[in-house]
């Protein structure tokens, strides 16, 4: 559960950064939230 919270916090940070850089603000955080557990399993 702690890992999911970390991935969620990181996805929120990626969302804020994507909006600032005018990138795709939904795709980047969604990919971070989905690929986080794949790349760094618990």
PDB file of N, CA and C in Angstrom:
ATOM      1  N   UNK A   1       0.832  -1.204   0.000  1.00  0.00           N
ATOM      2  CA  UNK A   1       0.000   0.000   0.000  1.00  0.00           C
ATOM      3  C   UNK A   1       0.868   1.257   0.000  1.00  0.00           C
ATOM      4  N   UNK A   2       1.981   1.196   0.669  1.00  0.00           N
ATOM      5  CA  UNK A   2       2.870   2.355   0.735  1.00  0.00           C
ATOM      6  C   UNK A   2       3.420   2.663  -0.656  1.00  0.00           C
ATOM      7  N   UNK A   3       3.724   1.616  -1.422  1.00  0.00           N
ATOM      8  CA  UNK A   3       4.245   1.844  -2.766  1.00  0.00           C
ATOM      9  C   UNK A   3       3.211   2.545  -3.640  1.00  0.00           C
ATOM     10  N   UNK A   4       1.950   2.141  -3.544  1.00  0.00           N
ATOM     11  CA  UNK A   4       0.906   2.787  -4.334  1.00  0.00           C
ATOM     12  C   UNK A   4       0.806   4.265  -3.980  1.00  0.00           C
ATOM     13  N   UNK A   5       0.921   4.598  -2.720  1.00  0.00           N
ATOM     14  CA  UNK A   5       0.884   6.004  -2.306  1.00  0.00           C
ATOM     15  C   UNK A   5       2.077   6.774  -2.870  1.00  0.00           C
ATOM     16  N   UNK A   6       3.234   6.136  -2.913  1.00  0.00           N
ATOM     17  CA  UNK A   6       4.410   6.777  -3.503  1.00  0.00           C
ATOM     18  C   UNK A   6       4.222   6.987  -5.001  1.00  0.00           C
ATOM     19  N   UNK A   7       3.685   5.981  -5.696  1.00  0.00           N
ATOM     20  CA  UNK A   7       3.428   6.123  -7.127  1.00  0.00           C
ATOM     21  C   UNK A   7       2.397   7.210  -7.372  1.00  0.00           C
ATOM     22  N   UNK A   8       1.398   7.297  -6.530  1.00  0.00           N
ATOM     23  CA  UNK A   8       0.368   8.332  -6.672  1.00  0.00           C
ATOM     24  C   UNK A   8       0.970   9.718  -6.462  1.00  0.00           C
ATOM     25  N   UNK A   9       1.800   9.866  -5.451  1.00  0.00           N
ATOM     26  CA  UNK A   9       2.446  11.155  -5.200  1.00  0.00           C
ATOM     27  C   UNK A   9       3.346  11.538  -6.373  1.00  0.00           C
ATOM     28  N   UNK A  10       4.069  10.579  -6.910  1.00  0.00           N
ATOM     29  CA  UNK A  10       4.933  10.853  -8.050  1.00  0.00           C
ATOM     30  C   UNK A  10       4.109  11.224  -9.283  1.00  0.00           C
ATOM     31  N   UNK A  11       2.958  10.570  -9.477  1.00  0.00           N
ATOM     32  CA  UNK A  11       2.082  10.893 -10.606  1.00  0.00           C
ATOM     33  C   UNK A  11       1.526  12.310 -10.476  1.00  0.00           C
ATOM     34  N   UNK A  12       1.218  12.741  -9.271  1.00  0.00           N
ATOM     35  CA  UNK A  12       0.746  14.114  -9.060  1.00  0.00           C
ATOM     36  C   UNK A  12       1.852  15.099  -9.412  1.00  0.00           C
ATOM     37  N   UNK A  13       3.071  14.787  -9.015  1.00  0.00           N
ATOM     38  CA  UNK A  13       4.202  15.652  -9.355  1.00  0.00           C
ATOM     39  C   UNK A  13       4.425  15.701 -10.871  1.00  0.00           C
ATOM     40  N   UNK A  14       4.317  14.553 -11.531  1.00  0.00           N
ATOM     41  CA  UNK A  14       4.470  14.499 -12.990  1.00  0.00           C
ATOM     42  C   UNK A  14       3.358  15.296 -13.661  1.00  0.00           C
ATOM     43  N   UNK A  15       2.139  15.223 -13.139  1.00  0.00           N
ATOM     44  CA  UNK A  15       1.016  15.999 -13.687  1.00  0.00           C
ATOM     45  C   UNK A  15       1.309  17.497 -13.613  1.00  0.00           C
ATOM     46  N   UNK A  16       1.771  17.956 -12.469  1.00  0.00           N
ATOM     47  CA  UNK A  16       2.078  19.378 -12.305  1.00  0.00           C
ATOM     48  C   UNK A  16       3.204  19.804 -13.243  1.00  0.00           C
ATOM     49  N   UNK A  17       4.217  18.962 -13.381  1.00  0.00           N
ATOM     50  CA  UNK A  17       5.328  19.289 -14.262  1.00  0.00           C
ATOM     51  C   UNK A  17       4.902  19.266 -15.729  1.00  0.00           C
ATOM     52  N   UNK A  18       4.049  18.336 -16.102  1.00  0.00           N
ATOM     53  CA  UNK A  18       3.576  18.264 -17.491  1.00  0.00           C
ATOM     54  C   UNK A  18       2.750  19.496 -17.848  1.00  0.00           C
ATOM     55  N   UNK A  19       1.925  19.964 -16.913  1.00  0.00           N
ATOM     56  CA  UNK A  19       1.148  21.180 -17.177  1.00  0.00           C
ATOM     57  C   UNK A  19       2.072  22.383 -17.329  1.00  0.00           C
ATOM     58  N   UNK A  20       3.119  22.448 -16.517  1.00  0.00           N
ATOM     59  CA  UNK A  20       4.054  23.559 -16.580  1.00  0.00           C
ATOM     60  C   UNK A  20       4.810  23.556 -17.913  1.00  0.00           C
ATOM     61  N   UNK A  21       5.155  22.366 -18.399  1.00  0.00           N
ATOM     62  CA  UNK A  21       5.921  22.248 -19.642  1.00  0.00           C
ATOM     63  C   UNK A  21       5.021  22.157 -20.875  1.00  0.00           C
ATOM     64  N   UNK A  22       3.717  22.242 -20.687  1.00  0.00           N
ATOM     65  CA  UNK A  22       2.729  22.160 -21.773  1.00  0.00           C
ATOM     66  C   UNK A  22       2.802  20.826 -22.515  1.00  0.00           C
ATOM     67  N   UNK A  23       3.041  19.744 -21.777  1.00  0.00           N
ATOM     68  CA  UNK A  23       2.990  18.391 -22.329  1.00  0.00           C
ATOM     69  C   UNK A  23       1.613  17.806 -22.084  1.00  0.00           C
ATOM     70  N   UNK A  24       1.424  16.571 -22.472  1.00  0.00           N
ATOM     71  CA  UNK A  24       0.138  15.896 -22.284  1.00  0.00           C
ATOM     72  C   UNK A  24      -0.084  15.649 -20.798  1.00  0.00           C
ATOM     73  N   UNK A  25      -0.973  16.436 -20.191  1.00  0.00           N
ATOM     74  CA  UNK A  25      -1.114  16.450 -18.732  1.00  0.00           C
ATOM     75  C   UNK A  25      -1.851  15.239 -18.174  1.00  0.00           C
ATOM     76  N   UNK A  26      -2.492  14.440 -19.005  1.00  0.00           N
ATOM     77  CA  UNK A  26      -3.168  13.239 -18.509  1.00  0.00           C
ATOM     78  C   UNK A  26      -2.339  11.987 -18.803  1.00  0.00           C
ATOM     79  N   UNK A  27      -1.735  11.938 -19.955  1.00  0.00           N
ATOM     80  CA  UNK A  27      -0.993  10.746 -20.367  1.00  0.00           C
ATOM     81  C   UNK A  27       0.229  10.449 -19.525  1.00  0.00           C
ATOM     82  N   UNK A  28       1.020  11.457 -19.235  1.00  0.00           N
ATOM     83  CA  UNK A  28       2.243  11.238 -18.453  1.00  0.00           C
ATOM     84  C   UNK A  28       1.953  10.736 -17.047  1.00  0.00           C
ATOM     85  N   UNK A  29       1.061  11.369 -16.280  1.00  0.00           N
ATOM     86  CA  UNK A  29       0.785  10.835 -14.934  1.00  0.00           C
ATOM     87  C   UNK A  29       0.128   9.461 -14.964  1.00  0.00           C
ATOM     88  N   UNK A  30      -0.747   9.223 -15.953  1.00  0.00           N
ATOM     89  CA  UNK A  30      -1.388   7.906 -16.052  1.00  0.00           C
ATOM     90  C   UNK A  30      -0.342   6.829 -16.314  1.00  0.00           C
ATOM     91  N   UNK A  31       0.576   7.112 -17.213  1.00  0.00           N
ATOM     92  CA  UNK A  31       1.637   6.145 -17.495  1.00  0.00           C
ATOM     93  C   UNK A  31       2.523   5.941 -16.266  1.00  0.00           C
ATOM     94  N   UNK A  32       2.793   6.994 -15.536  1.00  0.00           N
ATOM     95  CA  UNK A  32       3.599   6.878 -14.314  1.00  0.00           C
ATOM     96  C   UNK A  32       2.898   5.995 -13.286  1.00  0.00           C
ATOM     97  N   UNK A  33       1.599   6.202 -13.128  1.00  0.00           N
ATOM     98  CA  UNK A  33       0.846   5.432 -12.144  1.00  0.00           C
ATOM     99  C   UNK A  33       0.737   3.962 -12.553  1.00  0.00           C
ATOM    100  N   UNK A  34       0.634   3.692 -13.853  1.00  0.00           N
ATOM    101  CA  UNK A  34       0.504   2.314 -14.327  1.00  0.00           C
ATOM    102  C   UNK A  34       1.862   1.622 -14.391  1.00  0.00           C
ATOM    103  N   UNK A  35       2.874   2.330 -14.884  1.00  0.00           N
ATOM    104  CA  UNK A  35       4.178   1.695 -15.060  1.00  0.00           C
ATOM    105  C   UNK A  35       5.028   1.677 -13.789  1.00  0.00           C
ATOM    106  N   UNK A  36       4.663   2.448 -12.802  1.00  0.00           N
ATOM    107  CA  UNK A  36       5.411   2.439 -11.544  1.00  0.00           C
ATOM    108  C   UNK A  36       5.514   1.055 -10.922  1.00  0.00           C
ATOM    109  N   UNK A  37       4.397   0.372 -10.722  1.00  0.00           N
ATOM    110  CA  UNK A  37       4.476  -0.981 -10.144  1.00  0.00           C
ATOM    111  C   UNK A  37       5.159  -1.995 -11.058  1.00  0.00           C
ATOM    112  N   UNK A  38       5.127  -1.750 -12.372  1.00  0.00           N
ATOM    113  CA  UNK A  38       5.784  -2.677 -13.290  1.00  0.00           C
ATOM    114  C   UNK A  38       7.299  -2.526 -13.203  1.00  0.00           C
ATOM    115  N   UNK A  39       7.757  -1.269 -13.158  1.00  0.00           N
ATOM    116  CA  UNK A  39       9.187  -1.019 -13.136  1.00  0.00           C
ATOM    117  C   UNK A  39       9.799  -1.238 -11.742  1.00  0.00           C
ATOM    118  N   UNK A  40       9.070  -0.912 -10.705  1.00  0.00           N
ATOM    119  CA  UNK A  40       9.553  -1.064  -9.322  1.00  0.00           C
ATOM    120  C   UNK A  40       8.546  -1.873  -8.500  1.00  0.00           C
ATOM    121  N   UNK A  41       8.512  -3.176  -8.699  1.00  0.00           N
ATOM    122  CA  UNK A  41       7.518  -3.976  -7.973  1.00  0.00           C
ATOM    123  C   UNK A  41       7.785  -3.976  -6.470  1.00  0.00           C
ATOM    124  N   UNK A  42       6.723  -4.181  -5.729  1.00  0.00           N
ATOM    125  CA  UNK A  42       6.806  -4.183  -4.267  1.00  0.00           C
ATOM    126  C   UNK A  42       7.433  -5.443  -3.740  1.00  0.00           C
TER     127      UNK A  42
END
